Amino acid sequence: MQTQEATIVAVIAAAFTVTVCYALACLTTNKIAKAALEGSRSVDRAKILNEVGAILRHLSVFRWRRK
């Protein structure tokens, strides 16, 4: 019975950790996007957001290989 309880606690802790990390990533992305768009012209905003998205996609990919 103790192993089942430990498994349940581990699953809940993992789910909580993933949720908190996702929330922090969203908050960080929001702050980065706001800072990047601050003082920009409306014509440039689409390109700025595309570049911010490309940077965030690049940072979110874990690479095993060294360059």
PDB file of N, CA and C in Angstrom:
ATOM      1  N   MET A   1       0.819  -1.200   0.000  1.00  0.00           N
ATOM      2  CA  MET A   1       0.000   0.000   0.000  1.00  0.00           C
ATOM      3  C   MET A   1       0.859   1.257   0.000  1.00  0.00           C
ATOM      4  N   GLN A   2       2.008   1.214   0.640  1.00  0.00           N
ATOM      5  CA  GLN A   2       2.849   2.403   0.699  1.00  0.00           C
ATOM      6  C   GLN A   2       3.429   2.745  -0.667  1.00  0.00           C
ATOM      7  N   THR A   3       3.717   1.753  -1.478  1.00  0.00           N
ATOM      8  CA  THR A   3       4.265   2.055  -2.801  1.00  0.00           C
ATOM      9  C   THR A   3       3.220   2.728  -3.684  1.00  0.00           C
ATOM     10  N   GLN A   4       1.958   2.347  -3.534  1.00  0.00           N
ATOM     11  CA  GLN A   4       0.900   3.012  -4.305  1.00  0.00           C
ATOM     12  C   GLN A   4       0.756   4.463  -3.875  1.00  0.00           C
ATOM     13  N   GLU A   5       0.841   4.706  -2.579  1.00  0.00           N
ATOM     14  CA  GLU A   5       0.734   6.077  -2.080  1.00  0.00           C
ATOM     15  C   GLU A   5       1.927   6.913  -2.541  1.00  0.00           C
ATOM     16  N   ALA A   6       3.099   6.305  -2.516  1.00  0.00           N
ATOM     17  CA  ALA A   6       4.294   7.016  -2.968  1.00  0.00           C
ATOM     18  C   ALA A   6       4.199   7.328  -4.461  1.00  0.00           C
ATOM     19  N   THR A   7       3.649   6.411  -5.230  1.00  0.00           N
ATOM     20  CA  THR A   7       3.481   6.626  -6.662  1.00  0.00           C
ATOM     21  C   THR A   7       2.501   7.761  -6.920  1.00  0.00           C
ATOM     22  N   ILE A   8       1.423   7.784  -6.180  1.00  0.00           N
ATOM     23  CA  ILE A   8       0.431   8.852  -6.333  1.00  0.00           C
ATOM     24  C   ILE A   8       1.040  10.203  -5.985  1.00  0.00           C
ATOM     25  N   VAL A   9       1.801  10.251  -4.909  1.00  0.00           N
ATOM     26  CA  VAL A   9       2.454  11.500  -4.509  1.00  0.00           C
ATOM     27  C   VAL A   9       3.446  11.942  -5.574  1.00  0.00           C
ATOM     28  N   ALA A  10       4.197  11.000  -6.136  1.00  0.00           N
ATOM     29  CA  ALA A  10       5.171  11.335  -7.173  1.00  0.00           C
ATOM     30  C   ALA A  10       4.481  11.863  -8.429  1.00  0.00           C
ATOM     31  N   VAL A  11       3.371  11.258  -8.810  1.00  0.00           N
ATOM     32  CA  VAL A  11       2.631  11.717  -9.992  1.00  0.00           C
ATOM     33  C   VAL A  11       2.061  13.110  -9.767  1.00  0.00           C
ATOM     34  N   ILE A  12       1.524  13.348  -8.595  1.00  0.00           N
ATOM     35  CA  ILE A  12       0.976  14.672  -8.281  1.00  0.00           C
ATOM     36  C   ILE A  12       2.086  15.714  -8.266  1.00  0.00           C
ATOM     37  N   ALA A  13       3.231  15.377  -7.686  1.00  0.00           N
ATOM     38  CA  ALA A  13       4.353  16.311  -7.638  1.00  0.00           C
ATOM     39  C   ALA A  13       4.867  16.617  -9.047  1.00  0.00           C
ATOM     40  N   ALA A  14       4.936  15.596  -9.888  1.00  0.00           N
ATOM     41  CA  ALA A  14       5.395  15.806 -11.258  1.00  0.00           C
ATOM     42  C   ALA A  14       4.417  16.692 -12.029  1.00  0.00           C
ATOM     43  N   ALA A  15       3.130  16.436 -11.875  1.00  0.00           N
ATOM     44  CA  ALA A  15       2.119  17.248 -12.556  1.00  0.00           C
ATOM     45  C   ALA A  15       2.172  18.700 -12.077  1.00  0.00           C
ATOM     46  N   PHE A  16       2.349  18.891 -10.793  1.00  0.00           N
ATOM     47  CA  PHE A  16       2.452  20.241 -10.237  1.00  0.00           C
ATOM     48  C   PHE A  16       3.688  20.951 -10.784  1.00  0.00           C
ATOM     49  N   THR A  17       4.792  20.247 -10.841  1.00  0.00           N
ATOM     50  CA  THR A  17       6.032  20.833 -11.343  1.00  0.00           C
ATOM     51  C   THR A  17       5.904  21.237 -12.801  1.00  0.00           C
ATOM     52  N   VAL A  18       5.319  20.379 -13.606  1.00  0.00           N
ATOM     53  CA  VAL A  18       5.123  20.700 -15.024  1.00  0.00           C
ATOM     54  C   VAL A  18       4.212  21.912 -15.172  1.00  0.00           C
ATOM     55  N   THR A  19       3.160  21.973 -14.388  1.00  0.00           N
ATOM     56  CA  THR A  19       2.228  23.099 -14.457  1.00  0.00           C
ATOM     57  C   THR A  19       2.902  24.404 -14.065  1.00  0.00           C
ATOM     58  N   VAL A  20       3.684  24.381 -13.003  1.00  0.00           N
ATOM     59  CA  VAL A  20       4.369  25.600 -12.558  1.00  0.00           C
ATOM     60  C   VAL A  20       5.407  26.038 -13.583  1.00  0.00           C
ATOM     61  N   CYS A  21       6.155  25.090 -14.137  1.00  0.00           N
ATOM     62  CA  CYS A  21       7.155  25.436 -15.154  1.00  0.00           C
ATOM     63  C   CYS A  21       6.493  26.026 -16.393  1.00  0.00           C
ATOM     64  N   TYR A  22       5.363  25.475 -16.805  1.00  0.00           N
ATOM     65  CA  TYR A  22       4.647  25.997 -17.962  1.00  0.00           C
ATOM     66  C   TYR A  22       4.147  27.417 -17.684  1.00  0.00           C
ATOM     67  N   ALA A  23       3.617  27.636 -16.494  1.00  0.00           N
ATOM     68  CA  ALA A  23       3.125  28.966 -16.137  1.00  0.00           C
ATOM     69  C   ALA A  23       4.266  29.981 -16.125  1.00  0.00           C
ATOM     70  N   LEU A  24       5.418  29.601 -15.587  1.00  0.00           N
ATOM     71  CA  LEU A  24       6.563  30.506 -15.570  1.00  0.00           C
ATOM     72  C   LEU A  24       7.081  30.776 -16.982  1.00  0.00           C
ATOM     73  N   ALA A  25       7.055  29.768 -17.830  1.00  0.00           N
ATOM     74  CA  ALA A  25       7.481  29.960 -19.218  1.00  0.00           C
ATOM     75  C   ALA A  25       6.542  30.924 -19.932  1.00  0.00           C
ATOM     76  N   CYS A  26       5.248  30.792 -19.701  1.00  0.00           N
ATOM     77  CA  CYS A  26       4.276  31.710 -20.321  1.00  0.00           C
ATOM     78  C   CYS A  26       4.473  33.137 -19.820  1.00  0.00           C
ATOM     79  N   LEU A  27       4.691  33.280 -18.532  1.00  0.00           N
ATOM     80  CA  LEU A  27       4.910  34.611 -17.956  1.00  0.00           C
ATOM     81  C   LEU A  27       6.181  35.243 -18.526  1.00  0.00           C
ATOM     82  N   THR A  28       7.237  34.456 -18.619  1.00  0.00           N
ATOM     83  CA  THR A  28       8.495  34.959 -19.168  1.00  0.00           C
ATOM     84  C   THR A  28       8.343  35.351 -20.633  1.00  0.00           C
ATOM     85  N   THR A  29       7.662  34.515 -21.399  1.00  0.00           N
ATOM     86  CA  THR A  29       7.433  34.813 -22.811  1.00  0.00           C
ATOM     87  C   THR A  29       6.644  36.104 -22.963  1.00  0.00           C
ATOM     88  N   ASN A  30       5.648  36.288 -22.127  1.00  0.00           N
ATOM     89  CA  ASN A  30       4.845  37.504 -22.160  1.00  0.00           C
ATOM     90  C   ASN A  30       5.705  38.731 -21.876  1.00  0.00           C
ATOM     91  N   LYS A  31       6.562  38.653 -20.880  1.00  0.00           N
ATOM     92  CA  LYS A  31       7.413  39.794 -20.538  1.00  0.00           C
ATOM     93  C   LYS A  31       8.417  40.093 -21.652  1.00  0.00           C
ATOM     94  N   ILE A  32       8.974  39.038 -22.254  1.00  0.00           N
ATOM     95  CA  ILE A  32       9.924  39.234 -23.351  1.00  0.00           C
ATOM     96  C   ILE A  32       9.229  39.889 -24.538  1.00  0.00           C
ATOM     97  N   ALA A  33       8.049  39.410 -24.873  1.00  0.00           N
ATOM     98  CA  ALA A  33       7.313  39.976 -26.003  1.00  0.00           C
ATOM     99  C   ALA A  33       6.945  41.433 -25.744  1.00  0.00           C
ATOM    100  N   LYS A  34       6.509  41.752 -24.544  1.00  0.00           N
ATOM    101  CA  LYS A  34       6.169  43.136 -24.221  1.00  0.00           C
ATOM    102  C   LYS A  34       7.388  44.042 -24.322  1.00  0.00           C
ATOM    103  N   ALA A  35       8.527  43.552 -23.813  1.00  0.00           N
ATOM    104  CA  ALA A  35       9.755  44.356 -23.880  1.00  0.00           C
ATOM    105  C   ALA A  35      10.210  44.543 -25.321  1.00  0.00           C
ATOM    106  N   ALA A  36      10.060  43.505 -26.130  1.00  0.00           N
ATOM    107  CA  ALA A  36      10.475  43.601 -27.531  1.00  0.00           C
ATOM    108  C   ALA A  36       9.577  44.548 -28.320  1.00  0.00           C
ATOM    109  N   LEU A  37       8.310  44.601 -27.970  1.00  0.00           N
ATOM    110  CA  LEU A  37       7.369  45.442 -28.713  1.00  0.00           C
ATOM    111  C   LEU A  37       7.300  46.871 -28.206  1.00  0.00           C
ATOM    112  N   GLU A  38       7.885  47.128 -27.064  1.00  0.00           N
ATOM    113  CA  GLU A  38       7.803  48.462 -26.476  1.00  0.00           C
ATOM    114  C   GLU A  38       8.499  49.479 -27.380  1.00  0.00           C
ATOM    115  N   GLY A  39       7.766  50.494 -27.760  1.00  0.00           N
ATOM    116  CA  GLY A  39       8.325  51.561 -28.589  1.00  0.00           C
ATOM    117  C   GLY A  39       8.463  51.208 -30.061  1.00  0.00           C
ATOM    118  N   SER A  40       7.892  50.088 -30.479  1.00  0.00           N
ATOM    119  CA  SER A  40       8.023  49.701 -31.889  1.00  0.00           C
ATOM    120  C   SER A  40       6.852  50.253 -32.700  1.00  0.00           C
ATOM    121  N   ARG A  41       7.064  50.316 -33.987  1.00  0.00           N
ATOM    122  CA  ARG A  41       5.989  50.740 -34.881  1.00  0.00           C
ATOM    123  C   ARG A  41       5.115  49.532 -35.189  1.00  0.00           C
ATOM    124  N   SER A  42       3.865  49.784 -35.507  1.00  0.00           N
ATOM    125  CA  SER A  42       2.941  48.687 -35.781  1.00  0.00           C
ATOM    126  C   SER A  42       3.339  47.883 -37.012  1.00  0.00           C
ATOM    127  N   VAL A  43       4.056  48.510 -37.941  1.00  0.00           N
ATOM    128  CA  VAL A  43       4.502  47.824 -39.156  1.00  0.00           C
ATOM    129  C   VAL A  43       5.532  46.742 -38.815  1.00  0.00           C
ATOM    130  N   ASP A  44       6.352  47.002 -37.808  1.00  0.00           N
ATOM    131  CA  ASP A  44       7.446  46.095 -37.445  1.00  0.00           C
ATOM    132  C   ASP A  44       7.038  45.005 -36.460  1.00  0.00           C
ATOM    133  N   ARG A  45       5.877  45.095 -35.896  1.00  0.00           N
ATOM    134  CA  ARG A  45       5.500  44.181 -34.812  1.00  0.00           C
ATOM    135  C   ARG A  45       5.415  42.724 -35.232  1.00  0.00           C
ATOM    136  N   ALA A  46       4.914  42.445 -36.402  1.00  0.00           N
ATOM    137  CA  ALA A  46       4.808  41.055 -36.853  1.00  0.00           C
ATOM    138  C   ALA A  46       6.187  40.424 -36.992  1.00  0.00           C
ATOM    139  N   LYS A  47       7.121  41.172 -37.554  1.00  0.00           N
ATOM    140  CA  LYS A  47       8.482  40.651 -37.705  1.00  0.00           C
ATOM    141  C   LYS A  47       9.149  40.460 -36.343  1.00  0.00           C
ATOM    142  N   ILE A  48       8.945  41.399 -35.443  1.00  0.00           N
ATOM    143  CA  ILE A  48       9.521  41.284 -34.098  1.00  0.00           C
ATOM    144  C   ILE A  48       8.987  40.042 -33.406  1.00  0.00           C
ATOM    145  N   LEU A  49       7.670  39.820 -33.469  1.00  0.00           N
ATOM    146  CA  LEU A  49       7.079  38.643 -32.826  1.00  0.00           C
ATOM    147  C   LEU A  49       7.570  37.348 -33.466  1.00  0.00           C
ATOM    148  N   ASN A  50       7.752  37.338 -34.776  1.00  0.00           N
ATOM    149  CA  ASN A  50       8.299  36.147 -35.434  1.00  0.00           C
ATOM    150  C   ASN A  50       9.709  35.850 -34.943  1.00  0.00           C
ATOM    151  N   GLU A  51      10.523  36.878 -34.779  1.00  0.00           N
ATOM    152  CA  GLU A  51      11.893  36.685 -34.300  1.00  0.00           C
ATOM    153  C   GLU A  51      11.920  36.228 -32.841  1.00  0.00           C
ATOM    154  N   VAL A  52      11.068  36.813 -32.016  1.00  0.00           N
ATOM    155  CA  VAL A  52      10.982  36.381 -30.617  1.00  0.00           C
ATOM    156  C   VAL A  52      10.541  34.922 -30.546  1.00  0.00           C
ATOM    157  N   GLY A  53       9.574  34.542 -31.364  1.00  0.00           N
ATOM    158  CA  GLY A  53       9.130  33.147 -31.403  1.00  0.00           C
ATOM    159  C   GLY A  53      10.229  32.205 -31.859  1.00  0.00           C
ATOM    160  N   ALA A  54      11.017  32.624 -32.840  1.00  0.00           N
ATOM    161  CA  ALA A  54      12.117  31.780 -33.319  1.00  0.00           C
ATOM    162  C   ALA A  54      13.168  31.588 -32.223  1.00  0.00           C
ATOM    163  N   ILE A  55      13.460  32.639 -31.496  1.00  0.00           N
ATOM    164  CA  ILE A  55      14.435  32.539 -30.407  1.00  0.00           C
ATOM    165  C   ILE A  55      13.920  31.609 -29.314  1.00  0.00           C
ATOM    166  N   LEU A  56      12.668  31.763 -28.935  1.00  0.00           N
ATOM    167  CA  LEU A  56      12.106  30.916 -27.881  1.00  0.00           C
ATOM    168  C   LEU A  56      12.023  29.456 -28.313  1.00  0.00           C
ATOM    169  N   ARG A  57      11.702  29.200 -29.569  1.00  0.00           N
ATOM    170  CA  ARG A  57      11.704  27.815 -30.066  1.00  0.00           C
ATOM    171  C   ARG A  57      13.101  27.227 -30.016  1.00  0.00           C
ATOM    172  N   HIS A  58      14.079  28.025 -30.372  1.00  0.00           N
ATOM    173  CA  HIS A  58      15.459  27.549 -30.359  1.00  0.00           C
ATOM    174  C   HIS A  58      15.912  27.243 -28.930  1.00  0.00           C
ATOM    175  N   LEU A  59      15.528  28.084 -27.984  1.00  0.00           N
ATOM    176  CA  LEU A  59      15.937  27.876 -26.591  1.00  0.00           C
ATOM    177  C   LEU A  59      15.218  26.692 -25.950  1.00  0.00           C
ATOM    178  N   SER A  60      14.033  26.362 -26.438  1.00  0.00           N
ATOM    179  CA  SER A  60      13.263  25.290 -25.808  1.00  0.00           C
ATOM    180  C   SER A  60      13.674  23.896 -26.279  1.00  0.00           C
ATOM    181  N   VAL A  61      14.513  23.818 -27.291  1.00  0.00           N
ATOM    182  CA  VAL A  61      14.937  22.520 -27.820  1.00  0.00           C
ATOM    183  C   VAL A  61      16.234  22.123 -27.138  1.00  0.00           C
ATOM    184  N   PHE A  62      16.199  20.973 -26.491  1.00  0.00           N
ATOM    185  CA  PHE A  62      17.393  20.478 -25.815  1.00  0.00           C
ATOM    186  C   PHE A  62      18.280  19.761 -26.824  1.00  0.00           C
ATOM    187  N   ARG A  63      19.520  20.111 -26.853  1.00  0.00           N
ATOM    188  CA  ARG A  63      20.438  19.502 -27.811  1.00  0.00           C
ATOM    189  C   ARG A  63      21.446  18.616 -27.078  1.00  0.00           C
ATOM    190  N   TRP A  64      21.560  17.355 -27.524  1.00  0.00           N
ATOM    191  CA  TRP A  64      22.527  16.433 -26.943  1.00  0.00           C
ATOM    192  C   TRP A  64      23.912  16.644 -27.538  1.00  0.00           C
ATOM    193  N   ARG A  65      23.917  17.088 -28.754  1.00  0.00           N
ATOM    194  CA  ARG A  65      25.148  17.195 -29.510  1.00  0.00           C
ATOM    195  C   ARG A  65      25.851  18.513 -29.227  1.00  0.00           C
ATOM    196  N   ARG A  66      27.155  18.459 -29.094  1.00  0.00           N
ATOM    197  CA  ARG A  66      27.920  19.687 -28.955  1.00  0.00           C
ATOM    198  C   ARG A  66      28.313  20.168 -30.335  1.00  0.00           C
ATOM    199  N   LYS A  67      28.381  21.454 -30.462  1.00  0.00           N
ATOM    200  CA  LYS A  67      28.782  22.012 -31.767  1.00  0.00           C
ATOM    201  C   LYS A  67      30.237  22.361 -31.749  1.00  0.00           C
TER     202      LYS A  67
END
